[in-house]
Amino acid sequence: QVQLVESGGGLVQAGGSLRLSCAASGSGFSINTMGWYRQAPGKQREFVARISTGDTTKYADFVKGRFSISRDNAKNTVYLQMNSLKPEDTAVYHCNLNYWRYAKLYDSWGQGSQVTVSS
């Protein structure tokens, strides 16, 4: 079993910053990508950012220039630095791990971190 533990959500004023962390633990797996998705009330889950083992990154257009994703391979941890936050960034943010196990790809999800941005 691969488990993800998230931390770092909270309440911040518009224009502020937060950093989310997500640590993967378990055995017998090899990370392909780690990333973040978010789900606002009444909306579908949407992609935010992703980083590969080679540190290639991809961002949703609505966070480009404001959010930055990074990872610590030694700790199997991914971070999402969120700057210039807007009220519309309010959502539950879920960490995603895409990993290899026995030559197959799997997805694992974190429990979710609430991010609330007040105006």
N, C-alpha and C. Protein backbone atom coordinates (compact mmCIF):
# COMPACT_ATOMS: atom_id res chain seq x y z
N GLN A 1 0.83 -1.19 0.00
CA GLN A 1 0.00 0.00 0.00
C GLN A 1 0.88 1.25 0.00
N VAL A 2 0.48 2.21 -0.79
CA VAL A 2 1.15 3.50 -0.82
C VAL A 2 0.22 4.51 -0.16
N GLN A 3 0.75 5.25 0.78
CA GLN A 3 -0.06 6.23 1.49
C GLN A 3 0.48 7.63 1.28
N LEU A 4 -0.43 8.58 1.26
CA LEU A 4 -0.06 9.99 1.11
C LEU A 4 -0.57 10.76 2.31
N VAL A 5 0.27 11.60 2.85
CA VAL A 5 -0.12 12.46 3.97
C VAL A 5 0.13 13.91 3.59
N GLU A 6 -0.94 14.69 3.60
CA GLU A 6 -0.86 16.09 3.23
C GLU A 6 -0.81 16.98 4.47
N SER A 7 -0.25 18.16 4.28
CA SER A 7 -0.26 19.16 5.34
C SER A 7 -0.11 20.53 4.71
N GLY A 8 -0.48 21.56 5.47
CA GLY A 8 -0.19 22.92 5.05
C GLY A 8 -1.37 23.76 4.63
N GLY A 9 -2.58 23.24 4.60
CA GLY A 9 -3.72 24.06 4.23
C GLY A 9 -4.04 25.07 5.31
N GLY A 10 -5.05 25.91 5.04
CA GLY A 10 -5.46 26.87 6.03
C GLY A 10 -6.22 28.04 5.45
N LEU A 11 -6.36 29.08 6.26
CA LEU A 11 -7.08 30.30 5.89
C LEU A 11 -6.08 31.42 5.67
N VAL A 12 -6.22 32.13 4.57
CA VAL A 12 -5.32 33.23 4.26
C VAL A 12 -6.09 34.33 3.55
N GLN A 13 -5.62 35.54 3.68
CA GLN A 13 -6.26 36.65 2.98
C GLN A 13 -5.81 36.68 1.53
N ALA A 14 -6.62 37.28 0.70
CA ALA A 14 -6.27 37.43 -0.71
C ALA A 14 -4.92 38.13 -0.83
N GLY A 15 -4.10 37.61 -1.73
CA GLY A 15 -2.75 38.13 -1.90
C GLY A 15 -1.71 37.42 -1.06
N GLY A 16 -2.17 36.59 -0.14
CA GLY A 16 -1.25 35.87 0.74
C GLY A 16 -0.70 34.61 0.11
N SER A 17 0.04 33.85 0.93
CA SER A 17 0.71 32.64 0.45
C SER A 17 0.47 31.48 1.40
N LEU A 18 0.50 30.30 0.84
CA LEU A 18 0.46 29.05 1.60
C LEU A 18 1.34 28.05 0.89
N ARG A 19 1.84 27.08 1.65
CA ARG A 19 2.58 25.98 1.05
C ARG A 19 1.98 24.66 1.51
N LEU A 20 1.65 23.84 0.52
CA LEU A 20 1.15 22.51 0.80
C LEU A 20 2.28 21.49 0.65
N SER A 21 2.22 20.45 1.47
CA SER A 21 3.18 19.36 1.39
C SER A 21 2.44 18.04 1.30
N CYS A 22 3.05 17.09 0.64
CA CYS A 22 2.46 15.77 0.52
C CYS A 22 3.59 14.74 0.52
N ALA A 23 3.58 13.86 1.50
CA ALA A 23 4.62 12.86 1.63
C ALA A 23 4.06 11.47 1.32
N ALA A 24 4.78 10.74 0.48
CA ALA A 24 4.38 9.39 0.11
C ALA A 24 5.19 8.38 0.91
N SER A 25 4.52 7.34 1.36
CA SER A 25 5.21 6.28 2.10
C SER A 25 4.69 4.93 1.66
N GLY A 26 5.50 3.91 1.88
CA GLY A 26 5.15 2.57 1.48
C GLY A 26 6.38 1.87 0.95
N SER A 27 6.18 0.73 0.32
CA SER A 27 7.31 -0.01 -0.22
C SER A 27 6.95 -0.61 -1.57
N GLY A 28 7.99 -0.90 -2.32
CA GLY A 28 7.80 -1.59 -3.60
C GLY A 28 7.21 -0.75 -4.70
N PHE A 29 7.36 0.56 -4.61
CA PHE A 29 6.83 1.39 -5.67
C PHE A 29 7.89 2.36 -6.17
N SER A 30 7.67 2.84 -7.38
CA SER A 30 8.56 3.81 -8.00
C SER A 30 7.71 4.97 -8.52
N ILE A 31 8.06 6.16 -8.12
CA ILE A 31 7.24 7.32 -8.47
C ILE A 31 7.40 7.67 -9.94
N ASN A 32 6.25 7.93 -10.58
CA ASN A 32 6.25 8.46 -11.94
C ASN A 32 6.07 9.98 -11.88
N THR A 33 4.92 10.40 -11.38
CA THR A 33 4.68 11.83 -11.21
C THR A 33 3.99 12.07 -9.87
N MET A 34 4.12 13.29 -9.38
CA MET A 34 3.36 13.74 -8.21
C MET A 34 2.72 15.07 -8.58
N GLY A 35 1.54 15.29 -8.09
CA GLY A 35 0.86 16.51 -8.47
C GLY A 35 -0.25 16.90 -7.53
N TRP A 36 -0.95 17.95 -7.93
CA TRP A 36 -2.04 18.48 -7.12
C TRP A 36 -3.27 18.74 -7.99
N TYR A 37 -4.41 18.43 -7.42
CA TYR A 37 -5.71 18.74 -8.00
C TYR A 37 -6.49 19.49 -6.94
N ARG A 38 -7.55 20.15 -7.36
CA ARG A 38 -8.39 20.83 -6.37
C ARG A 38 -9.86 20.69 -6.74
N GLN A 39 -10.68 20.80 -5.72
CA GLN A 39 -12.12 20.72 -5.93
C GLN A 39 -12.80 21.76 -5.07
N ALA A 40 -13.44 22.70 -5.75
CA ALA A 40 -14.21 23.73 -5.06
C ALA A 40 -15.64 23.25 -4.87
N PRO A 41 -16.36 23.82 -3.91
CA PRO A 41 -17.74 23.39 -3.67
C PRO A 41 -18.59 23.50 -4.93
N GLY A 42 -19.30 22.43 -5.24
CA GLY A 42 -20.17 22.44 -6.39
C GLY A 42 -19.48 22.30 -7.73
N LYS A 43 -18.17 22.08 -7.71
CA LYS A 43 -17.43 21.96 -8.97
C LYS A 43 -16.71 20.63 -9.03
N GLN A 44 -16.31 20.27 -10.25
CA GLN A 44 -15.55 19.04 -10.43
C GLN A 44 -14.09 19.25 -10.04
N ARG A 45 -13.44 18.15 -9.72
CA ARG A 45 -12.01 18.22 -9.40
C ARG A 45 -11.26 18.65 -10.66
N GLU A 46 -10.28 19.55 -10.48
CA GLU A 46 -9.52 20.02 -11.63
C GLU A 46 -8.02 19.96 -11.35
N PHE A 47 -7.28 19.80 -12.41
CA PHE A 47 -5.82 19.71 -12.35
C PHE A 47 -5.23 21.06 -11.98
N VAL A 48 -4.21 21.03 -11.11
CA VAL A 48 -3.50 22.25 -10.73
C VAL A 48 -2.06 22.24 -11.23
N ALA A 49 -1.31 21.22 -10.84
CA ALA A 49 0.11 21.17 -11.22
C ALA A 49 0.63 19.75 -11.07
N ARG A 50 1.73 19.46 -11.80
CA ARG A 50 2.31 18.13 -11.76
C ARG A 50 3.81 18.25 -11.97
N ILE A 51 4.57 17.32 -11.36
CA ILE A 51 6.01 17.30 -11.55
C ILE A 51 6.44 15.85 -11.72
N SER A 52 7.35 15.63 -12.68
CA SER A 52 7.81 14.28 -12.96
C SER A 52 9.11 14.01 -12.21
N THR A 53 9.58 12.77 -12.30
CA THR A 53 10.83 12.41 -11.64
C THR A 53 12.00 13.18 -12.24
N GLY A 54 11.88 13.61 -13.48
CA GLY A 54 12.92 14.42 -14.11
C GLY A 54 12.73 15.90 -13.88
N ASP A 55 11.80 16.24 -12.98
CA ASP A 55 11.51 17.63 -12.61
C ASP A 55 10.85 18.44 -13.72
N THR A 56 10.28 17.76 -14.68
CA THR A 56 9.46 18.46 -15.66
C THR A 56 8.14 18.85 -15.00
N THR A 57 7.75 20.10 -15.16
CA THR A 57 6.54 20.57 -14.51
C THR A 57 5.47 20.96 -15.52
N LYS A 58 4.24 20.89 -15.05
CA LYS A 58 3.10 21.31 -15.87
C LYS A 58 2.12 21.99 -14.93
N TYR A 59 1.56 23.11 -15.40
CA TYR A 59 0.64 23.89 -14.59
C TYR A 59 -0.66 24.16 -15.35
N ALA A 60 -1.73 24.27 -14.59
CA ALA A 60 -2.97 24.77 -15.16
C ALA A 60 -2.78 26.26 -15.45
N ASP A 61 -3.43 26.74 -16.49
CA ASP A 61 -3.26 28.14 -16.88
C ASP A 61 -3.61 29.10 -15.75
N PHE A 62 -4.59 28.75 -14.95
CA PHE A 62 -5.06 29.69 -13.93
C PHE A 62 -4.10 29.83 -12.74
N VAL A 63 -3.04 29.05 -12.68
CA VAL A 63 -2.07 29.19 -11.59
C VAL A 63 -0.67 29.57 -12.08
N LYS A 64 -0.49 29.64 -13.38
CA LYS A 64 0.83 29.96 -13.91
C LYS A 64 1.29 31.33 -13.41
N GLY A 65 2.53 31.35 -12.93
CA GLY A 65 3.10 32.59 -12.42
C GLY A 65 2.78 32.84 -10.96
N ARG A 66 1.86 32.05 -10.38
CA ARG A 66 1.50 32.24 -8.97
C ARG A 66 1.87 31.03 -8.12
N PHE A 67 1.69 29.84 -8.65
CA PHE A 67 1.98 28.60 -7.92
C PHE A 67 3.26 27.98 -8.46
N SER A 68 3.95 27.28 -7.56
CA SER A 68 5.16 26.58 -7.96
C SER A 68 5.20 25.20 -7.30
N ILE A 69 5.42 24.19 -8.12
CA ILE A 69 5.49 22.82 -7.60
C ILE A 69 6.95 22.37 -7.56
N SER A 70 7.30 21.65 -6.51
CA SER A 70 8.66 21.13 -6.39
C SER A 70 8.61 19.82 -5.64
N ARG A 71 9.73 19.10 -5.63
CA ARG A 71 9.72 17.82 -4.94
C ARG A 71 11.07 17.55 -4.31
N ASP A 72 11.04 16.73 -3.28
CA ASP A 72 12.24 16.24 -2.61
C ASP A 72 12.23 14.74 -2.81
N ASN A 73 13.03 14.26 -3.76
CA ASN A 73 13.01 12.84 -4.09
C ASN A 73 13.45 11.96 -2.92
N ALA A 74 14.37 12.46 -2.13
CA ALA A 74 14.86 11.67 -1.00
C ALA A 74 13.77 11.44 0.03
N LYS A 75 12.83 12.37 0.11
CA LYS A 75 11.74 12.26 1.10
C LYS A 75 10.42 11.84 0.46
N ASN A 76 10.44 11.59 -0.87
CA ASN A 76 9.19 11.25 -1.57
C ASN A 76 8.10 12.27 -1.26
N THR A 77 8.47 13.52 -1.28
CA THR A 77 7.56 14.59 -0.90
C THR A 77 7.44 15.62 -2.02
N VAL A 78 6.22 16.08 -2.23
CA VAL A 78 5.97 17.11 -3.20
C VAL A 78 5.39 18.33 -2.48
N TYR A 79 5.74 19.50 -2.98
CA TYR A 79 5.30 20.75 -2.38
C TYR A 79 4.57 21.60 -3.42
N LEU A 80 3.63 22.37 -2.94
CA LEU A 80 2.96 23.35 -3.79
C LEU A 80 3.01 24.70 -3.08
N GLN A 81 3.85 25.57 -3.59
CA GLN A 81 3.95 26.93 -3.07
C GLN A 81 2.92 27.78 -3.80
N MET A 82 2.00 28.34 -3.04
CA MET A 82 0.92 29.13 -3.62
C MET A 82 1.06 30.58 -3.19
N ASN A 83 1.31 31.44 -4.15
CA ASN A 83 1.46 32.87 -3.89
C ASN A 83 0.34 33.65 -4.57
N SER A 84 0.17 34.89 -4.17
CA SER A 84 -0.85 35.77 -4.76
C SER A 84 -2.20 35.06 -4.82
N LEU A 85 -2.57 34.46 -3.71
CA LEU A 85 -3.81 33.69 -3.67
C LEU A 85 -5.03 34.58 -3.87
N LYS A 86 -6.02 34.00 -4.54
CA LYS A 86 -7.26 34.69 -4.84
C LYS A 86 -8.43 33.95 -4.19
N PRO A 87 -9.53 34.63 -3.92
CA PRO A 87 -10.68 33.92 -3.34
C PRO A 87 -11.11 32.73 -4.19
N GLU A 88 -10.96 32.82 -5.50
CA GLU A 88 -11.36 31.71 -6.36
C GLU A 88 -10.43 30.51 -6.27
N ASP A 89 -9.32 30.65 -5.53
CA ASP A 89 -8.45 29.50 -5.27
C ASP A 89 -8.96 28.65 -4.11
N THR A 90 -10.01 29.12 -3.45
CA THR A 90 -10.58 28.37 -2.34
C THR A 90 -11.08 27.02 -2.82
N ALA A 91 -10.59 25.96 -2.19
CA ALA A 91 -10.93 24.60 -2.60
C ALA A 91 -10.27 23.62 -1.65
N VAL A 92 -10.64 22.36 -1.80
CA VAL A 92 -9.89 21.28 -1.15
C VAL A 92 -8.84 20.82 -2.15
N TYR A 93 -7.61 20.84 -1.74
CA TYR A 93 -6.50 20.46 -2.61
C TYR A 93 -6.08 19.03 -2.29
N HIS A 94 -6.03 18.22 -3.34
CA HIS A 94 -5.69 16.81 -3.19
C HIS A 94 -4.36 16.51 -3.87
N CYS A 95 -3.50 15.86 -3.13
CA CYS A 95 -2.24 15.38 -3.70
C CYS A 95 -2.50 14.12 -4.52
N ASN A 96 -1.81 14.00 -5.63
CA ASN A 96 -1.91 12.79 -6.47
C ASN A 96 -0.53 12.20 -6.68
N LEU A 97 -0.44 10.91 -6.52
CA LEU A 97 0.78 10.18 -6.81
C LEU A 97 0.49 9.16 -7.90
N ASN A 98 1.24 9.24 -8.98
CA ASN A 98 1.16 8.24 -10.05
C ASN A 98 2.44 7.40 -9.97
N TYR A 99 2.28 6.11 -9.74
CA TYR A 99 3.47 5.31 -9.45
C TYR A 99 3.44 3.96 -10.13
N TRP A 100 4.64 3.38 -10.27
CA TRP A 100 4.82 2.06 -10.84
C TRP A 100 4.92 1.03 -9.72
N ARG A 101 4.23 -0.08 -9.94
CA ARG A 101 4.38 -1.23 -9.04
C ARG A 101 4.15 -2.47 -9.90
N TYR A 102 5.14 -3.34 -9.92
CA TYR A 102 5.07 -4.58 -10.71
C TYR A 102 4.68 -4.29 -12.16
N ALA A 103 5.35 -3.29 -12.74
CA ALA A 103 5.21 -2.93 -14.16
C ALA A 103 3.84 -2.36 -14.52
N LYS A 104 3.08 -1.96 -13.53
CA LYS A 104 1.80 -1.32 -13.80
C LYS A 104 1.76 0.06 -13.12
N LEU A 105 1.00 0.95 -13.72
CA LEU A 105 0.84 2.29 -13.17
C LEU A 105 -0.42 2.37 -12.31
N TYR A 106 -0.30 3.04 -11.18
CA TYR A 106 -1.42 3.22 -10.27
C TYR A 106 -1.48 4.69 -9.84
N ASP A 107 -2.64 5.06 -9.33
CA ASP A 107 -2.83 6.40 -8.76
C ASP A 107 -3.21 6.27 -7.29
N SER A 108 -2.66 7.17 -6.50
CA SER A 108 -3.05 7.26 -5.10
C SER A 108 -3.36 8.72 -4.79
N TRP A 109 -4.31 8.94 -3.88
CA TRP A 109 -4.75 10.29 -3.56
C TRP A 109 -4.59 10.59 -2.08
N GLY A 110 -4.24 11.83 -1.80
CA GLY A 110 -4.18 12.28 -0.43
C GLY A 110 -5.57 12.57 0.10
N GLN A 111 -5.64 12.83 1.41
CA GLN A 111 -6.92 13.01 2.07
C GLN A 111 -7.55 14.36 1.77
N GLY A 112 -6.76 15.29 1.28
CA GLY A 112 -7.28 16.62 0.95
C GLY A 112 -6.92 17.65 2.01
N SER A 113 -6.59 18.83 1.56
CA SER A 113 -6.26 19.95 2.45
C SER A 113 -7.12 21.14 2.08
N GLN A 114 -7.83 21.66 3.05
CA GLN A 114 -8.70 22.81 2.77
C GLN A 114 -7.86 24.08 2.68
N VAL A 115 -8.04 24.80 1.60
CA VAL A 115 -7.43 26.12 1.42
C VAL A 115 -8.57 27.12 1.25
N THR A 116 -8.60 28.10 2.13
CA THR A 116 -9.64 29.12 2.08
C THR A 116 -8.99 30.49 1.97
N VAL A 117 -9.38 31.22 0.94
CA VAL A 117 -8.82 32.54 0.69
C VAL A 117 -9.93 33.57 0.87
N SER A 118 -9.76 34.44 1.83
CA SER A 118 -10.77 35.45 2.10
C SER A 118 -10.47 36.73 1.33
N SER A 119 -11.55 37.43 0.98
CA SER A 119 -11.37 38.67 0.19
C SER A 119 -11.20 39.88 1.08
